[in-house]
N, C-alpha and C. Protein backbone atom coordinates (compact mmCIF):
# COMPACT_ATOMS: atom_id res chain seq x y z
N MET A 1 18.02 121.84 95.08
CA MET A 1 17.81 123.68 95.62
C MET A 1 18.27 123.89 96.54
N GLU A 2 17.24 123.22 97.63
CA GLU A 2 17.43 123.55 99.06
C GLU A 2 18.68 123.46 99.62
N GLU A 3 19.29 122.17 99.32
CA GLU A 3 20.51 121.81 100.00
C GLU A 3 21.58 122.91 99.16
N ALA A 4 21.80 123.25 97.93
CA ALA A 4 22.54 123.83 97.61
C ALA A 4 22.70 125.37 98.10
N MET A 5 21.36 126.09 98.65
CA MET A 5 21.20 126.96 99.41
C MET A 5 21.70 126.83 101.01
N ALA A 6 21.73 125.79 101.39
CA ALA A 6 21.94 125.73 102.84
C ALA A 6 23.21 126.07 103.03
N GLY A 7 23.55 127.09 103.91
CA GLY A 7 24.91 127.51 104.17
C GLY A 7 25.26 128.51 103.14
N LYS A 8 24.65 129.06 102.52
CA LYS A 8 24.81 130.49 101.16
C LYS A 8 24.57 131.69 102.11
N ASN A 9 25.26 132.58 101.74
CA ASN A 9 25.00 133.89 102.07
C ASN A 9 23.94 134.56 101.28
N PRO A 10 23.47 135.68 101.82
CA PRO A 10 22.15 136.16 100.96
C PRO A 10 22.87 136.68 99.64
N ARG A 11 23.90 137.25 99.32
CA ARG A 11 24.23 137.67 98.04
C ARG A 11 24.53 136.14 97.38
N GLU A 12 25.02 135.11 97.87
CA GLU A 12 24.89 134.23 96.90
C GLU A 12 23.47 133.45 97.03
N ILE A 13 22.53 133.52 97.56
CA ILE A 13 21.11 133.18 97.28
C ILE A 13 20.87 134.00 96.10
N GLY A 14 20.79 135.40 96.29
CA GLY A 14 20.63 136.18 95.06
C GLY A 14 21.13 135.97 93.98
N LYS A 15 22.17 135.93 93.94
CA LYS A 15 22.50 135.26 92.79
C LYS A 15 21.95 133.96 92.16
N VAL A 16 21.53 133.25 93.07
CA VAL A 16 20.95 131.96 92.18
C VAL A 16 19.60 132.22 91.65
N ALA A 17 18.58 133.29 92.86
CA ALA A 17 17.24 133.70 92.17
C ALA A 17 17.59 134.23 90.86
N LYS A 18 18.50 135.12 90.84
CA LYS A 18 18.54 135.68 89.53
C LYS A 18 18.95 134.83 88.54
N GLY A 19 19.84 133.57 88.62
CA GLY A 19 19.79 132.56 87.49
C GLY A 19 18.69 131.93 87.17
N LEU A 20 17.61 131.88 87.97
CA LEU A 20 16.41 130.77 87.94
C LEU A 20 15.10 131.93 87.47
N PHE A 21 15.04 133.36 87.88
CA PHE A 21 13.96 133.71 87.55
C PHE A 21 14.04 134.66 86.60
N SER A 22 13.27 135.59 85.82
CA SER A 22 13.36 136.84 85.31
C SER A 22 13.79 138.09 85.96
N ASP A 23 14.18 138.75 85.26
CA ASP A 23 14.61 140.12 86.23
C ASP A 23 13.52 140.41 87.46
N GLU A 24 12.36 140.60 87.05
CA GLU A 24 11.13 141.23 87.74
C GLU A 24 11.16 140.04 88.75
N ASN A 25 11.07 138.88 88.63
CA ASN A 25 11.11 137.68 89.96
C ASN A 25 12.14 137.87 90.71
N ALA A 26 13.38 138.40 90.43
CA ALA A 26 14.77 138.11 90.71
C ALA A 26 14.33 139.40 91.76
N ARG A 27 13.81 140.50 91.52
CA ARG A 27 13.45 141.45 92.48
C ARG A 27 12.75 141.33 93.83
N ILE A 28 11.57 140.65 92.94
CA ILE A 28 10.43 140.24 94.25
C ILE A 28 11.42 139.11 95.18
N ALA A 29 11.95 138.23 94.78
CA ALA A 29 12.86 136.87 95.14
C ALA A 29 13.35 137.88 96.42
N ASN A 30 14.59 138.62 95.87
CA ASN A 30 15.33 139.44 96.68
C ASN A 30 14.62 139.95 97.71
N ARG A 31 13.89 141.20 97.26
CA ARG A 31 12.97 141.43 98.55
C ARG A 31 12.26 140.53 99.67
N ALA A 32 11.84 139.32 99.05
CA ALA A 32 11.41 138.34 100.14
C ALA A 32 12.50 137.86 101.10
N VAL A 33 13.75 137.72 100.54
CA VAL A 33 14.79 136.87 101.33
C VAL A 33 15.35 138.15 102.21
N MET A 34 15.19 139.67 101.97
CA MET A 34 15.71 140.82 102.85
C MET A 34 14.61 140.87 103.82
N LYS A 35 13.44 140.62 103.49
CA LYS A 35 12.50 140.77 104.47
C LYS A 35 12.70 139.70 105.38
N VAL A 36 12.91 138.21 105.15
CA VAL A 36 13.36 137.48 105.90
C VAL A 36 14.12 137.62 106.96
N LEU A 37 15.38 138.26 106.48
CA LEU A 37 16.68 138.56 107.24
C LEU A 37 16.32 139.81 108.34
N ALA A 38 15.35 140.56 107.64
CA ALA A 38 14.96 141.72 108.64
C ALA A 38 14.38 140.98 109.74
N VAL A 39 13.50 139.97 109.57
CA VAL A 39 12.78 139.54 110.65
C VAL A 39 13.98 138.83 111.79
N ALA A 40 14.67 138.31 111.16
CA ALA A 40 15.37 137.46 112.02
C ALA A 40 16.73 138.16 112.52
N GLY A 41 16.49 139.53 112.26
CA GLY A 41 17.52 140.74 112.60
C GLY A 41 18.90 140.51 112.22
N LEU A 42 19.13 139.87 110.80
CA LEU A 42 20.45 139.84 109.98
C LEU A 42 20.60 140.46 109.13
N ALA A 43 19.64 141.21 108.56
CA ALA A 43 19.99 142.73 107.73
C ALA A 43 20.63 143.61 108.26
N ASP A 44 21.18 144.06 107.27
CA ASP A 44 22.07 145.00 108.08
C ASP A 44 21.53 146.69 107.69
């Protein structure tokens, strides 16, 4: 899983997350990803 995510863009990670989790958990995971990107200064 980690090596599959390495080098992926956020949208691809979001697709992976949606495939692995229920809709509610996918939203939580996507929010967490966006928070990490915002902290890293990469979020649009």
